């Protein structure tokens, strides 16, 4: 998807570029695997 100066992307482009969904993921912490690295 090429963007020119002063343009707006069409709705739904984030799905094509695979951006934005990272906000819904949380890291999973396993205390038994923790090595207390600091």
PDB file of N, CA and C in Angstrom:
ATOM      1  N   UNK A   1       0.849  -1.168   0.000  1.00  0.00           N
ATOM      2  CA  UNK A   1       0.000   0.000   0.000  1.00  0.00           C
ATOM      3  C   UNK A   1       0.892   1.227   0.000  1.00  0.00           C
ATOM      4  N   UNK A   2       0.868   1.975  -1.046  1.00  0.00           N
ATOM      5  CA  UNK A   2       1.646   3.208  -1.138  1.00  0.00           C
ATOM      6  C   UNK A   2       0.791   4.387  -0.694  1.00  0.00           C
ATOM      7  N   UNK A   3       1.379   5.267   0.104  1.00  0.00           N
ATOM      8  CA  UNK A   3       0.682   6.467   0.559  1.00  0.00           C
ATOM      9  C   UNK A   3       1.374   7.695  -0.007  1.00  0.00           C
ATOM     10  N   UNK A   4       0.599   8.608  -0.488  1.00  0.00           N
ATOM     11  CA  UNK A   4       1.134   9.879  -0.962  1.00  0.00           C
ATOM     12  C   UNK A   4       0.980  10.916   0.142  1.00  0.00           C
ATOM     13  N   UNK A   5       1.731  12.002   0.056  1.00  0.00           N
ATOM     14  CA  UNK A   5       1.655  13.062   1.052  1.00  0.00           C
ATOM     15  C   UNK A   5       0.248  13.633   1.082  1.00  0.00           C
ATOM     16  N   UNK A   6      -0.327  13.735   2.278  1.00  0.00           N
ATOM     17  CA  UNK A   6      -1.644  14.335   2.433  1.00  0.00           C
ATOM     18  C   UNK A   6      -2.812  13.416   2.151  1.00  0.00           C
ATOM     19  N   UNK A   7      -2.585  12.117   2.096  1.00  0.00           N
ATOM     20  CA  UNK A   7      -3.701  11.213   1.817  1.00  0.00           C
ATOM     21  C   UNK A   7      -4.054  10.421   3.071  1.00  0.00           C
ATOM     22  N   UNK A   8      -5.166   9.759   3.031  1.00  0.00           N
ATOM     23  CA  UNK A   8      -5.598   8.891   4.128  1.00  0.00           C
ATOM     24  C   UNK A   8      -5.827   7.493   3.570  1.00  0.00           C
ATOM     25  N   UNK A   9      -5.474   6.499   4.357  1.00  0.00           N
ATOM     26  CA  UNK A   9      -5.671   5.115   3.929  1.00  0.00           C
ATOM     27  C   UNK A   9      -7.146   4.751   4.044  1.00  0.00           C
ATOM     28  N   UNK A  10      -7.565   3.868   3.198  1.00  0.00           N
ATOM     29  CA  UNK A  10      -8.954   3.396   3.223  1.00  0.00           C
ATOM     30  C   UNK A  10      -9.200   2.578   4.488  1.00  0.00           C
ATOM     31  N   UNK A  11     -10.429   2.529   4.991  1.00  0.00           N
ATOM     32  CA  UNK A  11     -10.735   1.738   6.183  1.00  0.00           C
ATOM     33  C   UNK A  11     -10.375   0.267   5.983  1.00  0.00           C
ATOM     34  N   UNK A  12      -9.904  -0.374   7.035  1.00  0.00           N
ATOM     35  CA  UNK A  12      -9.578  -1.796   6.985  1.00  0.00           C
ATOM     36  C   UNK A  12      -8.159  -2.098   6.550  1.00  0.00           C
ATOM     37  N   UNK A  13      -7.337  -1.103   6.317  1.00  0.00           N
ATOM     38  CA  UNK A  13      -5.975  -1.344   5.850  1.00  0.00           C
ATOM     39  C   UNK A  13      -5.089  -1.958   6.926  1.00  0.00           C
ATOM     40  N   UNK A  14      -5.403  -1.744   8.199  1.00  0.00           N
ATOM     41  CA  UNK A  14      -4.566  -2.314   9.249  1.00  0.00           C
ATOM     42  C   UNK A  14      -4.613  -3.838   9.229  1.00  0.00           C
ATOM     43  N   UNK A  15      -5.729  -4.410   8.777  1.00  0.00           N
ATOM     44  CA  UNK A  15      -5.792  -5.873   8.666  1.00  0.00           C
ATOM     45  C   UNK A  15      -4.822  -6.368   7.608  1.00  0.00           C
ATOM     46  N   UNK A  16      -4.743  -5.654   6.504  1.00  0.00           N
ATOM     47  CA  UNK A  16      -3.835  -6.044   5.425  1.00  0.00           C
ATOM     48  C   UNK A  16      -2.380  -5.898   5.862  1.00  0.00           C
ATOM     49  N   UNK A  17      -2.077  -4.854   6.616  1.00  0.00           N
ATOM     50  CA  UNK A  17      -0.704  -4.581   7.054  1.00  0.00           C
ATOM     51  C   UNK A  17      -0.367  -5.245   8.379  1.00  0.00           C
ATOM     52  N   UNK A  18      -1.339  -5.922   8.981  1.00  0.00           N
ATOM     53  CA  UNK A  18      -1.151  -6.644  10.238  1.00  0.00           C
ATOM     54  C   UNK A  18      -0.616  -5.727  11.341  1.00  0.00           C
ATOM     55  N   UNK A  19      -1.239  -4.574  11.531  1.00  0.00           N
ATOM     56  CA  UNK A  19      -0.862  -3.667  12.612  1.00  0.00           C
ATOM     57  C   UNK A  19      -2.069  -3.419  13.490  1.00  0.00           C
ATOM     58  N   UNK A  20      -1.823  -2.987  14.687  1.00  0.00           N
ATOM     59  CA  UNK A  20      -2.894  -2.608  15.586  1.00  0.00           C
ATOM     60  C   UNK A  20      -3.369  -3.701  16.517  1.00  0.00           C
ATOM     61  N   UNK A  21      -3.256  -4.959  16.148  1.00  0.00           N
ATOM     62  CA  UNK A  21      -3.774  -6.031  16.995  1.00  0.00           C
ATOM     63  C   UNK A  21      -2.865  -6.320  18.183  1.00  0.00           C
ATOM     64  N   UNK A  22      -1.627  -5.825  18.170  1.00  0.00           N
ATOM     65  CA  UNK A  22      -0.706  -6.086  19.276  1.00  0.00           C
ATOM     66  C   UNK A  22      -1.243  -5.535  20.587  1.00  0.00           C
ATOM     67  N   UNK A  23      -2.140  -4.564  20.540  1.00  0.00           N
ATOM     68  CA  UNK A  23      -2.652  -3.957  21.764  1.00  0.00           C
ATOM     69  C   UNK A  23      -3.516  -4.902  22.572  1.00  0.00           C
ATOM     70  N   UNK A  24      -4.022  -5.943  21.986  1.00  0.00           N
ATOM     71  CA  UNK A  24      -4.912  -6.852  22.700  1.00  0.00           C
ATOM     72  C   UNK A  24      -4.174  -8.038  23.307  1.00  0.00           C
ATOM     73  N   UNK A  25      -2.887  -8.185  23.047  1.00  0.00           N
ATOM     74  CA  UNK A  25      -2.118  -9.303  23.570  1.00  0.00           C
ATOM     75  C   UNK A  25      -1.414  -8.916  24.864  1.00  0.00           C
ATOM     76  N   UNK A  26      -1.458  -9.795  25.845  1.00  0.00           N
ATOM     77  CA  UNK A  26      -0.772  -9.587  27.113  1.00  0.00           C
ATOM     78  C   UNK A  26       0.294 -10.666  27.251  1.00  0.00           C
ATOM     79  N   UNK A  27       1.475 -10.320  27.788  1.00  0.00           N
ATOM     80  CA  UNK A  27       2.499 -11.347  28.001  1.00  0.00           C
ATOM     81  C   UNK A  27       2.049 -12.324  29.081  1.00  0.00           C
ATOM     82  N   UNK A  28       2.401 -13.576  28.915  1.00  0.00           N
ATOM     83  CA  UNK A  28       2.056 -14.585  29.910  1.00  0.00           C
ATOM     84  C   UNK A  28       3.298 -14.839  30.768  1.00  0.00           C
ATOM     85  N   UNK A  29       3.164 -14.654  32.065  1.00  0.00           N
ATOM     86  CA  UNK A  29       4.274 -14.825  32.991  1.00  0.00           C
ATOM     87  C   UNK A  29       4.132 -16.164  33.693  1.00  0.00           C
ATOM     88  N   UNK A  30       5.176 -16.965  33.634  1.00  0.00           N
ATOM     89  CA  UNK A  30       5.202 -18.259  34.316  1.00  0.00           C
ATOM     90  C   UNK A  30       6.226 -18.160  35.446  1.00  0.00           C
ATOM     91  N   UNK A  31       5.797 -17.975  36.695  1.00  0.00           N
ATOM     92  CA  UNK A  31       6.742 -17.799  37.797  1.00  0.00           C
ATOM     93  C   UNK A  31       7.670 -18.996  37.993  1.00  0.00           C
ATOM     94  N   UNK A  32       7.239 -20.189  37.623  1.00  0.00           N
ATOM     95  CA  UNK A  32       8.109 -21.356  37.805  1.00  0.00           C
ATOM     96  C   UNK A  32       9.280 -21.348  36.829  1.00  0.00           C
ATOM     97  N   UNK A  33       9.163 -20.629  35.718  1.00  0.00           N
ATOM     98  CA  UNK A  33      10.241 -20.558  34.738  1.00  0.00           C
ATOM     99  C   UNK A  33      11.140 -19.343  34.956  1.00  0.00           C
ATOM    100  N   UNK A  34      10.822 -18.509  35.940  1.00  0.00           N
ATOM    101  CA  UNK A  34      11.572 -17.275  36.181  1.00  0.00           C
ATOM    102  C   UNK A  34      12.958 -17.596  36.736  1.00  0.00           C
ATOM    103  N   UNK A  35      14.004 -17.020  36.136  1.00  0.00           N
ATOM    104  CA  UNK A  35      15.372 -17.234  36.615  1.00  0.00           C
ATOM    105  C   UNK A  35      15.890 -16.023  37.384  1.00  0.00           C
ATOM    106  N   UNK A  36      15.032 -15.063  37.652  1.00  0.00           N
ATOM    107  CA  UNK A  36      15.364 -13.851  38.409  1.00  0.00           C
ATOM    108  C   UNK A  36      16.573 -13.137  37.810  1.00  0.00           C
ATOM    109  N   UNK A  37      16.535 -12.929  36.486  1.00  0.00           N
ATOM    110  CA  UNK A  37      17.670 -12.333  35.777  1.00  0.00           C
ATOM    111  C   UNK A  37      17.805 -10.832  36.021  1.00  0.00           C
ATOM    112  N   UNK A  38      16.802 -10.232  36.552  1.00  0.00           N
ATOM    113  CA  UNK A  38      17.021  -8.861  36.931  1.00  0.00           C
ATOM    114  C   UNK A  38      16.172  -7.822  36.435  1.00  0.00           C
TER     115      UNK A  38
END
